[in-house]
mmCIF file of all heavy atoms, coordinates in Angstrom:
data_MODEL
# 
_entry.id   MODEL 
# 
loop_
_atom_site.group_PDB 
_atom_site.id 
_atom_site.type_symbol 
_atom_site.label_atom_id 
_atom_site.label_alt_id 
_atom_site.label_comp_id 
_atom_site.label_asym_id 
_atom_site.label_entity_id 
_atom_site.label_seq_id 
_atom_site.pdbx_PDB_ins_code 
_atom_site.Cartn_x 
_atom_site.Cartn_y 
_atom_site.Cartn_z 
_atom_site.occupancy 
_atom_site.B_iso_or_equiv 
_atom_site.pdbx_formal_charge 
_atom_site.auth_seq_id 
_atom_site.auth_comp_id 
_atom_site.auth_asym_id 
_atom_site.auth_atom_id 
_atom_site.pdbx_PDB_model_num 
ATOM 1   N N   . LYS A 1 1  ? 0.825  -1.215 0.000   1.00 0.00 ? 1  LYS A N   1 
ATOM 2   C CA  . LYS A 1 1  ? 0.000  0.000  0.000   1.00 0.00 ? 1  LYS A CA  1 
ATOM 3   C C   . LYS A 1 1  ? 0.855  1.260  0.000   1.00 0.00 ? 1  LYS A C   1 
ATOM 4   O O   . LYS A 1 1  ? 0.435  2.309  -0.504  1.00 0.00 ? 1  LYS A O   1 
ATOM 5   C CB  . LYS A 1 1  ? -0.926 0.002  1.215   1.00 0.00 ? 1  LYS A CB  1 
ATOM 6   C CG  . LYS A 1 1  ? -2.044 -1.016 1.132   1.00 0.00 ? 1  LYS A CG  1 
ATOM 7   C CD  . LYS A 1 1  ? -2.909 -0.986 2.382   1.00 0.00 ? 1  LYS A CD  1 
ATOM 8   C CE  . LYS A 1 1  ? -4.006 -2.040 2.322   1.00 0.00 ? 1  LYS A CE  1 
ATOM 9   N NZ  . LYS A 1 1  ? -4.828 -2.061 3.565   1.00 0.00 ? 1  LYS A NZ  1 
ATOM 10  N N   . ASN A 1 2  ? 2.053  1.175  0.574   1.00 0.00 ? 2  ASN A N   1 
ATOM 11  C CA  . ASN A 1 2  ? 2.922  2.354  0.680   1.00 0.00 ? 2  ASN A CA  1 
ATOM 12  C C   . ASN A 1 2  ? 3.688  2.685  -0.598  1.00 0.00 ? 2  ASN A C   1 
ATOM 13  O O   . ASN A 1 2  ? 4.377  3.699  -0.660  1.00 0.00 ? 2  ASN A O   1 
ATOM 14  C CB  . ASN A 1 2  ? 3.933  2.162  1.820   1.00 0.00 ? 2  ASN A CB  1 
ATOM 15  C CG  . ASN A 1 2  ? 3.293  2.323  3.181   1.00 0.00 ? 2  ASN A CG  1 
ATOM 16  O OD1 . ASN A 1 2  ? 2.219  2.910  3.304   1.00 0.00 ? 2  ASN A OD1 1 
ATOM 17  N ND2 . ASN A 1 2  ? 3.938  1.781  4.211   1.00 0.00 ? 2  ASN A ND2 1 
ATOM 18  N N   . ILE A 1 3  ? 3.605  1.828  -1.606  1.00 0.00 ? 3  ILE A N   1 
ATOM 19  C CA  . ILE A 1 3  ? 4.289  2.134  -2.874  1.00 0.00 ? 3  ILE A CA  1 
ATOM 20  C C   . ILE A 1 3  ? 3.661  3.382  -3.475  1.00 0.00 ? 3  ILE A C   1 
ATOM 21  O O   . ILE A 1 3  ? 2.437  3.507  -3.556  1.00 0.00 ? 3  ILE A O   1 
ATOM 22  C CB  . ILE A 1 3  ? 4.182  0.941  -3.849  1.00 0.00 ? 3  ILE A CB  1 
ATOM 23  C CG1 . ILE A 1 3  ? 4.982  -0.260 -3.312  1.00 0.00 ? 3  ILE A CG1 1 
ATOM 24  C CG2 . ILE A 1 3  ? 4.693  1.325  -5.232  1.00 0.00 ? 3  ILE A CG2 1 
ATOM 25  C CD1 . ILE A 1 3  ? 4.866  -1.503 -4.164  1.00 0.00 ? 3  ILE A CD1 1 
ATOM 26  N N   . ASP A 1 4  ? 4.474  4.302  -3.877  1.00 0.00 ? 4  ASP A N   1 
ATOM 27  C CA  . ASP A 1 4  ? 4.021  5.574  -4.449  1.00 0.00 ? 4  ASP A CA  1 
ATOM 28  C C   . ASP A 1 4  ? 3.180  5.309  -5.697  1.00 0.00 ? 4  ASP A C   1 
ATOM 29  O O   . ASP A 1 4  ? 3.672  4.727  -6.665  1.00 0.00 ? 4  ASP A O   1 
ATOM 30  C CB  . ASP A 1 4  ? 5.248  6.428  -4.800  1.00 0.00 ? 4  ASP A CB  1 
ATOM 31  C CG  . ASP A 1 4  ? 4.884  7.807  -5.336  1.00 0.00 ? 4  ASP A CG  1 
ATOM 32  O OD1 . ASP A 1 4  ? 3.681  8.074  -5.572  1.00 0.00 ? 4  ASP A OD1 1 
ATOM 33  O OD2 . ASP A 1 4  ? 5.809  8.615  -5.543  1.00 0.00 ? 4  ASP A OD2 1 
ATOM 34  N N   . PRO A 1 5  ? 1.907  5.713  -5.697  1.00 0.00 ? 5  PRO A N   1 
ATOM 35  C CA  . PRO A 1 5  ? 1.055  5.436  -6.869  1.00 0.00 ? 5  PRO A CA  1 
ATOM 36  C C   . PRO A 1 5  ? 1.514  6.165  -8.131  1.00 0.00 ? 5  PRO A C   1 
ATOM 37  O O   . PRO A 1 5  ? 1.084  5.802  -9.225  1.00 0.00 ? 5  PRO A O   1 
ATOM 38  C CB  . PRO A 1 5  ? -0.331 5.929  -6.416  1.00 0.00 ? 5  PRO A CB  1 
ATOM 39  C CG  . PRO A 1 5  ? -0.065 6.897  -5.314  1.00 0.00 ? 5  PRO A CG  1 
ATOM 40  C CD  . PRO A 1 5  ? 1.172  6.401  -4.623  1.00 0.00 ? 5  PRO A CD  1 
ATOM 41  N N   . THR A 1 6  ? 2.359  7.167  -7.996  1.00 0.00 ? 6  THR A N   1 
ATOM 42  C CA  . THR A 1 6  ? 2.886  7.868  -9.176  1.00 0.00 ? 6  THR A CA  1 
ATOM 43  C C   . THR A 1 6  ? 4.191  7.258  -9.688  1.00 0.00 ? 6  THR A C   1 
ATOM 44  O O   . THR A 1 6  ? 4.742  7.730  -10.677 1.00 0.00 ? 6  THR A O   1 
ATOM 45  C CB  . THR A 1 6  ? 3.126  9.356  -8.856  1.00 0.00 ? 6  THR A CB  1 
ATOM 46  O OG1 . THR A 1 6  ? 4.181  9.468  -7.882  1.00 0.00 ? 6  THR A OG1 1 
ATOM 47  C CG2 . THR A 1 6  ? 1.860  10.003 -8.308  1.00 0.00 ? 6  THR A CG2 1 
ATOM 48  N N   . ASP A 1 7  ? 4.679  6.222  -8.995  1.00 0.00 ? 7  ASP A N   1 
ATOM 49  C CA  . ASP A 1 7  ? 5.919  5.563  -9.399  1.00 0.00 ? 7  ASP A CA  1 
ATOM 50  C C   . ASP A 1 7  ? 5.569  4.492  -10.440 1.00 0.00 ? 7  ASP A C   1 
ATOM 51  O O   . ASP A 1 7  ? 5.235  3.360  -10.102 1.00 0.00 ? 7  ASP A O   1 
ATOM 52  C CB  . ASP A 1 7  ? 6.592  4.936  -8.175  1.00 0.00 ? 7  ASP A CB  1 
ATOM 53  C CG  . ASP A 1 7  ? 7.932  4.298  -8.494  1.00 0.00 ? 7  ASP A CG  1 
ATOM 54  O OD1 . ASP A 1 7  ? 8.230  4.109  -9.695  1.00 0.00 ? 7  ASP A OD1 1 
ATOM 55  O OD2 . ASP A 1 7  ? 8.672  3.966  -7.560  1.00 0.00 ? 7  ASP A OD2 1 
ATOM 56  N N   . ASP A 1 8  ? 5.655  4.864  -11.709 1.00 0.00 ? 8  ASP A N   1 
ATOM 57  C CA  . ASP A 1 8  ? 5.270  3.948  -12.788 1.00 0.00 ? 8  ASP A CA  1 
ATOM 58  C C   . ASP A 1 8  ? 6.136  2.698  -12.828 1.00 0.00 ? 8  ASP A C   1 
ATOM 59  O O   . ASP A 1 8  ? 5.663  1.606  -13.157 1.00 0.00 ? 8  ASP A O   1 
ATOM 60  C CB  . ASP A 1 8  ? 5.351  4.663  -14.139 1.00 0.00 ? 8  ASP A CB  1 
ATOM 61  C CG  . ASP A 1 8  ? 4.258  5.700  -14.327 1.00 0.00 ? 8  ASP A CG  1 
ATOM 62  O OD1 . ASP A 1 8  ? 3.197  5.550  -13.694 1.00 0.00 ? 8  ASP A OD1 1 
ATOM 63  O OD2 . ASP A 1 8  ? 4.457  6.643  -15.112 1.00 0.00 ? 8  ASP A OD2 1 
ATOM 64  N N   . VAL A 1 9  ? 7.422  2.834  -12.535 1.00 0.00 ? 9  VAL A N   1 
ATOM 65  C CA  . VAL A 1 9  ? 8.324  1.680  -12.584 1.00 0.00 ? 9  VAL A CA  1 
ATOM 66  C C   . VAL A 1 9  ? 7.894  0.638  -11.551 1.00 0.00 ? 9  VAL A C   1 
ATOM 67  O O   . VAL A 1 9  ? 7.852  -0.560 -11.839 1.00 0.00 ? 9  VAL A O   1 
ATOM 68  C CB  . VAL A 1 9  ? 9.781  2.112  -12.342 1.00 0.00 ? 9  VAL A CB  1 
ATOM 69  C CG1 . VAL A 1 9  ? 10.709 0.897  -12.333 1.00 0.00 ? 9  VAL A CG1 1 
ATOM 70  C CG2 . VAL A 1 9  ? 10.234 3.100  -13.417 1.00 0.00 ? 9  VAL A CG2 1 
ATOM 71  N N   . ALA A 1 10 ? 7.538  1.094  -10.353 1.00 0.00 ? 10 ALA A N   1 
ATOM 72  C CA  . ALA A 1 10 ? 7.082  0.167  -9.316  1.00 0.00 ? 10 ALA A CA  1 
ATOM 73  C C   . ALA A 1 10 ? 5.703  -0.389 -9.631  1.00 0.00 ? 10 ALA A C   1 
ATOM 74  O O   . ALA A 1 10 ? 5.413  -1.563 -9.384  1.00 0.00 ? 10 ALA A O   1 
ATOM 75  C CB  . ALA A 1 10 ? 7.062  0.879  -7.967  1.00 0.00 ? 10 ALA A CB  1 
ATOM 76  N N   . ARG A 1 11 ? 4.838  0.439  -10.188 1.00 0.00 ? 11 ARG A N   1 
ATOM 77  C CA  . ARG A 1 11 ? 3.455  0.031  -10.440 1.00 0.00 ? 11 ARG A CA  1 
ATOM 78  C C   . ARG A 1 11 ? 3.347  -0.959 -11.591 1.00 0.00 ? 11 ARG A C   1 
ATOM 79  O O   . ARG A 1 11 ? 2.578  -1.923 -11.525 1.00 0.00 ? 11 ARG A O   1 
ATOM 80  C CB  . ARG A 1 11 ? 2.610  1.270  -10.726 1.00 0.00 ? 11 ARG A CB  1 
ATOM 81  C CG  . ARG A 1 11 ? 1.132  0.987  -10.864 1.00 0.00 ? 11 ARG A CG  1 
ATOM 82  C CD  . ARG A 1 11 ? 0.342  2.262  -11.046 1.00 0.00 ? 11 ARG A CD  1 
ATOM 83  N NE  . ARG A 1 11 ? -1.089 2.009  -11.143 1.00 0.00 ? 11 ARG A NE  1 
ATOM 84  C CZ  . ARG A 1 11 ? -1.988 2.938  -11.441 1.00 0.00 ? 11 ARG A CZ  1 
ATOM 85  N NH1 . ARG A 1 11 ? -1.601 4.185  -11.661 1.00 0.00 ? 11 ARG A NH1 1 
ATOM 86  N NH2 . ARG A 1 11 ? -3.269 2.629  -11.513 1.00 0.00 ? 11 ARG A NH2 1 
ATOM 87  N N   . TYR A 1 12 ? 4.120  -0.730 -12.654 1.00 0.00 ? 12 TYR A N   1 
ATOM 88  C CA  . TYR A 1 12 ? 3.976  -1.557 -13.858 1.00 0.00 ? 12 TYR A CA  1 
ATOM 89  C C   . TYR A 1 12 ? 5.157  -2.486 -14.118 1.00 0.00 ? 12 TYR A C   1 
ATOM 90  O O   . TYR A 1 12 ? 5.074  -3.365 -14.973 1.00 0.00 ? 12 TYR A O   1 
ATOM 91  C CB  . TYR A 1 12 ? 3.763  -0.659 -15.083 1.00 0.00 ? 12 TYR A CB  1 
ATOM 92  C CG  . TYR A 1 12 ? 2.511  0.173  -15.001 1.00 0.00 ? 12 TYR A CG  1 
ATOM 93  C CD1 . TYR A 1 12 ? 2.569  1.552  -14.829 1.00 0.00 ? 12 TYR A CD1 1 
ATOM 94  C CD2 . TYR A 1 12 ? 1.250  -0.418 -15.074 1.00 0.00 ? 12 TYR A CD2 1 
ATOM 95  C CE1 . TYR A 1 12 ? 1.410  2.321  -14.746 1.00 0.00 ? 12 TYR A CE1 1 
ATOM 96  C CE2 . TYR A 1 12 ? 0.089  0.337  -14.989 1.00 0.00 ? 12 TYR A CE2 1 
ATOM 97  C CZ  . TYR A 1 12 ? 0.181  1.707  -14.820 1.00 0.00 ? 12 TYR A CZ  1 
ATOM 98  O OH  . TYR A 1 12 ? -0.964 2.450  -14.729 1.00 0.00 ? 12 TYR A OH  1 
ATOM 99  N N   . SER A 1 13 ? 6.267  -2.279 -13.413 1.00 0.00 ? 13 SER A N   1 
ATOM 100 C CA  . SER A 1 13 ? 7.486  -3.075 -13.618 1.00 0.00 ? 13 SER A CA  1 
ATOM 101 C C   . SER A 1 13 ? 7.993  -2.980 -15.054 1.00 0.00 ? 13 SER A C   1 
ATOM 102 O O   . SER A 1 13 ? 8.263  -3.992 -15.716 1.00 0.00 ? 13 SER A O   1 
ATOM 103 C CB  . SER A 1 13 ? 7.258  -4.537 -13.209 1.00 0.00 ? 13 SER A CB  1 
ATOM 104 O OG  . SER A 1 13 ? 7.280  -4.655 -11.799 1.00 0.00 ? 13 SER A OG  1 
ATOM 105 N N   . TYR A 1 14 ? 8.090  -1.761 -15.541 1.00 0.00 ? 14 TYR A N   1 
ATOM 106 C CA  . TYR A 1 14 ? 8.746  -1.426 -16.806 1.00 0.00 ? 14 TYR A CA  1 
ATOM 107 C C   . TYR A 1 14 ? 9.610  -0.195 -16.573 1.00 0.00 ? 14 TYR A C   1 
ATOM 108 O O   . TYR A 1 14 ? 9.302  0.609  -15.678 1.00 0.00 ? 14 TYR A O   1 
ATOM 109 C CB  . TYR A 1 14 ? 7.726  -1.067 -17.902 1.00 0.00 ? 14 TYR A CB  1 
ATOM 110 C CG  . TYR A 1 14 ? 6.942  -2.205 -18.475 1.00 0.00 ? 14 TYR A CG  1 
ATOM 111 C CD1 . TYR A 1 14 ? 5.843  -2.727 -17.803 1.00 0.00 ? 14 TYR A CD1 1 
ATOM 112 C CD2 . TYR A 1 14 ? 7.265  -2.761 -19.719 1.00 0.00 ? 14 TYR A CD2 1 
ATOM 113 C CE1 . TYR A 1 14 ? 5.099  -3.762 -18.330 1.00 0.00 ? 14 TYR A CE1 1 
ATOM 114 C CE2 . TYR A 1 14 ? 6.518  -3.799 -20.254 1.00 0.00 ? 14 TYR A CE2 1 
ATOM 115 C CZ  . TYR A 1 14 ? 5.442  -4.304 -19.560 1.00 0.00 ? 14 TYR A CZ  1 
ATOM 116 O OH  . TYR A 1 14 ? 4.711  -5.325 -20.096 1.00 0.00 ? 14 TYR A OH  1 
ATOM 117 N N   . PRO A 1 15 ? 10.657 -0.004 -17.376 1.00 0.00 ? 15 PRO A N   1 
ATOM 118 C CA  . PRO A 1 15 ? 11.415 1.247  -17.286 1.00 0.00 ? 15 PRO A CA  1 
ATOM 119 C C   . PRO A 1 15 ? 10.515 2.447  -17.586 1.00 0.00 ? 15 PRO A C   1 
ATOM 120 O O   . PRO A 1 15 ? 9.558  2.337  -18.361 1.00 0.00 ? 15 PRO A O   1 
ATOM 121 C CB  . PRO A 1 15 ? 12.495 1.086  -18.371 1.00 0.00 ? 15 PRO A CB  1 
ATOM 122 C CG  . PRO A 1 15 ? 12.568 -0.373 -18.645 1.00 0.00 ? 15 PRO A CG  1 
ATOM 123 C CD  . PRO A 1 15 ? 11.198 -0.919 -18.396 1.00 0.00 ? 15 PRO A CD  1 
ATOM 124 N N   . GLN A 1 16 ? 10.829 3.592  -16.992 1.00 0.00 ? 16 GLN A N   1 
ATOM 125 C CA  . GLN A 1 16 ? 9.980  4.773  -17.153 1.00 0.00 ? 16 GLN A CA  1 
ATOM 126 C C   . GLN A 1 16 ? 9.857  5.193  -18.607 1.00 0.00 ? 16 GLN A C   1 
ATOM 127 O O   . GLN A 1 16 ? 8.771  5.571  -19.069 1.00 0.00 ? 16 GLN A O   1 
ATOM 128 C CB  . GLN A 1 16 ? 10.531 5.937  -16.322 1.00 0.00 ? 16 GLN A CB  1 
ATOM 129 C CG  . GLN A 1 16 ? 9.612  7.157  -16.289 1.00 0.00 ? 16 GLN A CG  1 
ATOM 130 C CD  . GLN A 1 16 ? 8.300  6.876  -15.593 1.00 0.00 ? 16 GLN A CD  1 
ATOM 131 O OE1 . GLN A 1 16 ? 8.284  6.437  -14.443 1.00 0.00 ? 16 GLN A OE1 1 
ATOM 132 N NE2 . GLN A 1 16 ? 7.177  7.099  -16.277 1.00 0.00 ? 16 GLN A NE2 1 
ATOM 133 N N   . TRP A 1 17 ? 10.944 5.108  -19.377 1.00 0.00 ? 17 TRP A N   1 
ATOM 134 C CA  . TRP A 1 17 ? 10.885 5.538  -20.783 1.00 0.00 ? 17 TRP A CA  1 
ATOM 135 C C   . TRP A 1 17 ? 9.903  4.674  -21.577 1.00 0.00 ? 17 TRP A C   1 
ATOM 136 O O   . TRP A 1 17 ? 9.214  5.164  -22.477 1.00 0.00 ? 17 TRP A O   1 
ATOM 137 C CB  . TRP A 1 17 ? 12.271 5.506  -21.424 1.00 0.00 ? 17 TRP A CB  1 
ATOM 138 C CG  . TRP A 1 17 ? 12.861 4.142  -21.652 1.00 0.00 ? 17 TRP A CG  1 
ATOM 139 C CD1 . TRP A 1 17 ? 13.703 3.457  -20.836 1.00 0.00 ? 17 TRP A CD1 1 
ATOM 140 C CD2 . TRP A 1 17 ? 12.630 3.279  -22.788 1.00 0.00 ? 17 TRP A CD2 1 
ATOM 141 N NE1 . TRP A 1 17 ? 14.014 2.228  -21.373 1.00 0.00 ? 17 TRP A NE1 1 
ATOM 142 C CE2 . TRP A 1 17 ? 13.375 2.093  -22.569 1.00 0.00 ? 17 TRP A CE2 1 
ATOM 143 C CE3 . TRP A 1 17 ? 11.872 3.399  -23.952 1.00 0.00 ? 17 TRP A CE3 1 
ATOM 144 C CZ2 . TRP A 1 17 ? 13.384 1.037  -23.480 1.00 0.00 ? 17 TRP A CZ2 1 
ATOM 145 C CZ3 . TRP A 1 17 ? 11.883 2.330  -24.861 1.00 0.00 ? 17 TRP A CZ3 1 
ATOM 146 C CH2 . TRP A 1 17 ? 12.631 1.171  -24.625 1.00 0.00 ? 17 TRP A CH2 1 
ATOM 147 N N   . TRP A 1 18 ? 9.834  3.402  -21.236 1.00 0.00 ? 18 TRP A N   1 
ATOM 148 C CA  . TRP A 1 18 ? 8.929  2.464  -21.926 1.00 0.00 ? 18 TRP A CA  1 
ATOM 149 C C   . TRP A 1 18 ? 7.476  2.834  -21.630 1.00 0.00 ? 18 TRP A C   1 
ATOM 150 O O   . TRP A 1 18 ? 6.633  2.904  -22.541 1.00 0.00 ? 18 TRP A O   1 
ATOM 151 C CB  . TRP A 1 18 ? 9.241  1.054  -21.447 1.00 0.00 ? 18 TRP A CB  1 
ATOM 152 C CG  . TRP A 1 18 ? 8.646  -0.080 -22.221 1.00 0.00 ? 18 TRP A CG  1 
ATOM 153 C CD1 . TRP A 1 18 ? 7.341  -0.238 -22.571 1.00 0.00 ? 18 TRP A CD1 1 
ATOM 154 C CD2 . TRP A 1 18 ? 9.344  -1.235 -22.715 1.00 0.00 ? 18 TRP A CD2 1 
ATOM 155 N NE1 . TRP A 1 18 ? 7.172  -1.435 -23.245 1.00 0.00 ? 18 TRP A NE1 1 
ATOM 156 C CE2 . TRP A 1 18 ? 8.374  -2.051 -23.346 1.00 0.00 ? 18 TRP A CE2 1 
ATOM 157 C CE3 . TRP A 1 18 ? 10.657 -1.659 -22.674 1.00 0.00 ? 18 TRP A CE3 1 
ATOM 158 C CZ2 . TRP A 1 18 ? 8.718  -3.280 -23.926 1.00 0.00 ? 18 TRP A CZ2 1 
ATOM 159 C CZ3 . TRP A 1 18 ? 10.994 -2.874 -23.245 1.00 0.00 ? 18 TRP A CZ3 1 
ATOM 160 C CH2 . TRP A 1 18 ? 10.040 -3.666 -23.868 1.00 0.00 ? 18 TRP A CH2 1 
ATOM 161 N N   . VAL A 1 19 ? 7.186  3.076  -20.347 1.00 0.00 ? 19 VAL A N   1 
ATOM 162 C CA  . VAL A 1 19 ? 5.830  3.473  -19.960 1.00 0.00 ? 19 VAL A CA  1 
ATOM 163 C C   . VAL A 1 19 ? 5.450  4.779  -20.668 1.00 0.00 ? 19 VAL A C   1 
ATOM 164 O O   . VAL A 1 19 ? 4.336  4.904  -21.205 1.00 0.00 ? 19 VAL A O   1 
ATOM 165 C CB  . VAL A 1 19 ? 5.728  3.642  -18.434 1.00 0.00 ? 19 VAL A CB  1 
ATOM 166 C CG1 . VAL A 1 19 ? 4.329  4.130  -18.042 1.00 0.00 ? 19 VAL A CG1 1 
ATOM 167 C CG2 . VAL A 1 19 ? 6.052  2.334  -17.715 1.00 0.00 ? 19 VAL A CG2 1 
ATOM 168 N N   . ASN A 1 20 ? 6.362  5.741  -20.669 1.00 0.00 ? 20 ASN A N   1 
ATOM 169 C CA  . ASN A 1 20 ? 6.085  7.033  -21.310 1.00 0.00 ? 20 ASN A CA  1 
ATOM 170 C C   . ASN A 1 20 ? 5.781  6.871  -22.794 1.00 0.00 ? 20 ASN A C   1 
ATOM 171 O O   . ASN A 1 20 ? 4.868  7.511  -23.333 1.00 0.00 ? 20 ASN A O   1 
ATOM 172 C CB  . ASN A 1 20 ? 7.275  7.979  -21.137 1.00 0.00 ? 20 ASN A CB  1 
ATOM 173 C CG  . ASN A 1 20 ? 7.474  8.402  -19.687 1.00 0.00 ? 20 ASN A CG  1 
ATOM 174 O OD1 . ASN A 1 20 ? 6.585  8.226  -18.859 1.00 0.00 ? 20 ASN A OD1 1 
ATOM 175 N ND2 . ASN A 1 20 ? 8.640  8.939  -19.389 1.00 0.00 ? 20 ASN A ND2 1 
ATOM 176 N N   . LYS A 1 21 ? 6.547  6.024  -23.450 1.00 0.00 ? 21 LYS A N   1 
ATOM 177 C CA  . LYS A 1 21 ? 6.369  5.838  -24.892 1.00 0.00 ? 21 LYS A CA  1 
ATOM 178 C C   . LYS A 1 21 ? 5.008  5.218  -25.204 1.00 0.00 ? 21 LYS A C   1 
ATOM 179 O O   . LYS A 1 21 ? 4.283  5.689  -26.096 1.00 0.00 ? 21 LYS A O   1 
ATOM 180 C CB  . LYS A 1 21 ? 7.504  4.975  -25.458 1.00 0.00 ? 21 LYS A CB  1 
ATOM 181 C CG  . LYS A 1 21 ? 7.486  4.850  -26.979 1.00 0.00 ? 21 LYS A CG  1 
ATOM 182 C CD  . LYS A 1 21 ? 8.652  4.005  -27.487 1.00 0.00 ? 21 LYS A CD  1 
ATOM 183 C CE  . LYS A 1 21 ? 9.958  4.743  -27.368 1.00 0.00 ? 21 LYS A CE  1 
ATOM 184 N NZ  . LYS A 1 21 ? 10.010 5.894  -28.338 1.00 0.00 ? 21 LYS A NZ  1 
ATOM 185 N N   . LEU A 1 22 ? 4.649  4.180  -24.481 1.00 0.00 ? 22 LEU A N   1 
ATOM 186 C CA  . LEU A 1 22 ? 3.354  3.551  -24.739 1.00 0.00 ? 22 LEU A CA  1 
ATOM 187 C C   . LEU A 1 22 ? 2.203  4.488  -24.375 1.00 0.00 ? 22 LEU A C   1 
ATOM 188 O O   . LEU A 1 22 ? 1.187  4.532  -25.085 1.00 0.00 ? 22 LEU A O   1 
ATOM 189 C CB  . LEU A 1 22 ? 3.224  2.243  -23.956 1.00 0.00 ? 22 LEU A CB  1 
ATOM 190 C CG  . LEU A 1 22 ? 3.991  1.029  -24.483 1.00 0.00 ? 22 LEU A CG  1 
ATOM 191 C CD1 . LEU A 1 22 ? 3.497  -0.241 -23.819 1.00 0.00 ? 22 LEU A CD1 1 
ATOM 192 C CD2 . LEU A 1 22 ? 3.899  0.889  -25.987 1.00 0.00 ? 22 LEU A CD2 1 
ATOM 193 N N   . ARG A 1 23 ? 2.338  5.221  -23.290 1.00 0.00 ? 23 ARG A N   1 
ATOM 194 C CA  . ARG A 1 23 ? 1.292  6.160  -22.893 1.00 0.00 ? 23 ARG A CA  1 
ATOM 195 C C   . ARG A 1 23 ? 1.062  7.208  -23.989 1.00 0.00 ? 23 ARG A C   1 
ATOM 196 O O   . ARG A 1 23 ? -0.076 7.597  -24.261 1.00 0.00 ? 23 ARG A O   1 
ATOM 197 C CB  . ARG A 1 23 ? 1.681  6.835  -21.574 1.00 0.00 ? 23 ARG A CB  1 
ATOM 198 C CG  . ARG A 1 23 ? 0.580  7.722  -20.994 1.00 0.00 ? 23 ARG A CG  1 
ATOM 199 C CD  . ARG A 1 23 ? 1.087  8.440  -19.758 1.00 0.00 ? 23 ARG A CD  1 
ATOM 200 N NE  . ARG A 1 23 ? 0.950  7.638  -18.553 1.00 0.00 ? 23 ARG A NE  1 
ATOM 201 C CZ  . ARG A 1 23 ? 1.928  7.409  -17.683 1.00 0.00 ? 23 ARG A CZ  1 
ATOM 202 N NH1 . ARG A 1 23 ? 3.142  7.885  -17.881 1.00 0.00 ? 23 ARG A NH1 1 
ATOM 203 N NH2 . ARG A 1 23 ? 1.693  6.694  -16.590 1.00 0.00 ? 23 ARG A NH2 1 
ATOM 204 N N   . HIS A 1 24 ? 2.147  7.645  -24.622 1.00 0.00 ? 24 HIS A N   1 
ATOM 205 C CA  . HIS A 1 24 ? 2.047  8.642  -25.691 1.00 0.00 ? 24 HIS A CA  1 
ATOM 206 C C   . HIS A 1 24 ? 1.496  8.028  -26.981 1.00 0.00 ? 24 HIS A C   1 
ATOM 207 O O   . HIS A 1 24 ? 0.655  8.631  -27.653 1.00 0.00 ? 24 HIS A O   1 
ATOM 208 C CB  . HIS A 1 24 ? 3.428  9.251  -25.952 1.00 0.00 ? 24 HIS A CB  1 
ATOM 209 C CG  . HIS A 1 24 ? 3.464  10.166 -27.131 1.00 0.00 ? 24 HIS A CG  1 
ATOM 210 N ND1 . HIS A 1 24 ? 2.855  11.410 -27.152 1.00 0.00 ? 24 HIS A ND1 1 
ATOM 211 C CD2 . HIS A 1 24 ? 4.042  10.018 -28.361 1.00 0.00 ? 24 HIS A CD2 1 
ATOM 212 C CE1 . HIS A 1 24 ? 3.054  11.978 -28.316 1.00 0.00 ? 24 HIS A CE1 1 
ATOM 213 N NE2 . HIS A 1 24 ? 3.764  11.160 -29.072 1.00 0.00 ? 24 HIS A NE2 1 
ATOM 214 N N   . GLN A 1 25 ? 1.960  6.831  -27.333 1.00 0.00 ? 25 GLN A N   1 
ATOM 215 C CA  . GLN A 1 25 ? 1.590  6.234  -28.617 1.00 0.00 ? 25 GLN A CA  1 
ATOM 216 C C   . GLN A 1 25 ? 0.242  5.513  -28.576 1.00 0.00 ? 25 GLN A C   1 
ATOM 217 O O   . GLN A 1 25 ? -0.405 5.362  -29.615 1.00 0.00 ? 25 GLN A O   1 
ATOM 218 C CB  . GLN A 1 25 ? 2.693  5.254  -29.064 1.00 0.00 ? 25 GLN A CB  1 
ATOM 219 C CG  . GLN A 1 25 ? 4.017  5.950  -29.350 1.00 0.00 ? 25 GLN A CG  1 
ATOM 220 C CD  . GLN A 1 25 ? 5.070  5.009  -29.922 1.00 0.00 ? 25 GLN A CD  1 
ATOM 221 O OE1 . GLN A 1 25 ? 4.906  3.789  -29.940 1.00 0.00 ? 25 GLN A OE1 1 
ATOM 222 N NE2 . GLN A 1 25 ? 6.171  5.585  -30.389 1.00 0.00 ? 25 GLN A NE2 1 
ATOM 223 N N   . TYR A 1 26 ? -0.174 5.056  -27.406 1.00 0.00 ? 26 TYR A N   1 
ATOM 224 C CA  . TYR A 1 26 ? -1.442 4.329  -27.267 1.00 0.00 ? 26 TYR A CA  1 
ATOM 225 C C   . TYR A 1 26 ? -2.251 4.928  -26.110 1.00 0.00 ? 26 TYR A C   1 
ATOM 226 O O   . TYR A 1 26 ? -2.331 4.324  -25.024 1.00 0.00 ? 26 TYR A O   1 
ATOM 227 C CB  . TYR A 1 26 ? -1.183 2.844  -27.006 1.00 0.00 ? 26 TYR A CB  1 
ATOM 228 C CG  . TYR A 1 26 ? -0.451 2.123  -28.109 1.00 0.00 ? 26 TYR A CG  1 
ATOM 229 C CD1 . TYR A 1 26 ? 0.944  2.031  -28.091 1.00 0.00 ? 26 TYR A CD1 1 
ATOM 230 C CD2 . TYR A 1 26 ? -1.140 1.539  -29.160 1.00 0.00 ? 26 TYR A CD2 1 
ATOM 231 C CE1 . TYR A 1 26 ? 1.630  1.366  -29.100 1.00 0.00 ? 26 TYR A CE1 1 
ATOM 232 C CE2 . TYR A 1 26 ? -0.473 0.861  -30.166 1.00 0.00 ? 26 TYR A CE2 1 
ATOM 233 C CZ  . TYR A 1 26 ? 0.916  0.781  -30.131 1.00 0.00 ? 26 TYR A CZ  1 
ATOM 234 O OH  . TYR A 1 26 ? 1.591  0.125  -31.130 1.00 0.00 ? 26 TYR A OH  1 
ATOM 235 N N   . PRO A 1 27 ? -2.832 6.113  -26.288 1.00 0.00 ? 27 PRO A N   1 
ATOM 236 C CA  . PRO A 1 27 ? -3.529 6.796  -25.190 1.00 0.00 ? 27 PRO A CA  1 
ATOM 237 C C   . PRO A 1 27 ? -4.634 5.956  -24.550 1.00 0.00 ? 27 PRO A C   1 
ATOM 238 O O   . PRO A 1 27 ? -4.912 6.109  -23.355 1.00 0.00 ? 27 PRO A O   1 
ATOM 239 C CB  . PRO A 1 27 ? -4.105 8.053  -25.856 1.00 0.00 ? 27 PRO A CB  1 
ATOM 240 C CG  . PRO A 1 27 ? -3.263 8.267  -27.065 1.00 0.00 ? 27 PRO A CG  1 
ATOM 241 C CD  . PRO A 1 27 ? -2.857 6.904  -27.535 1.00 0.00 ? 27 PRO A CD  1 
# 
């Protein structure tokens, strides 16, 4: 529960650049 909900790397277990790219390319 204490994991930062804005920490994409912890939430999704992908590098931040990967999450950013998919978020941009597949809204």
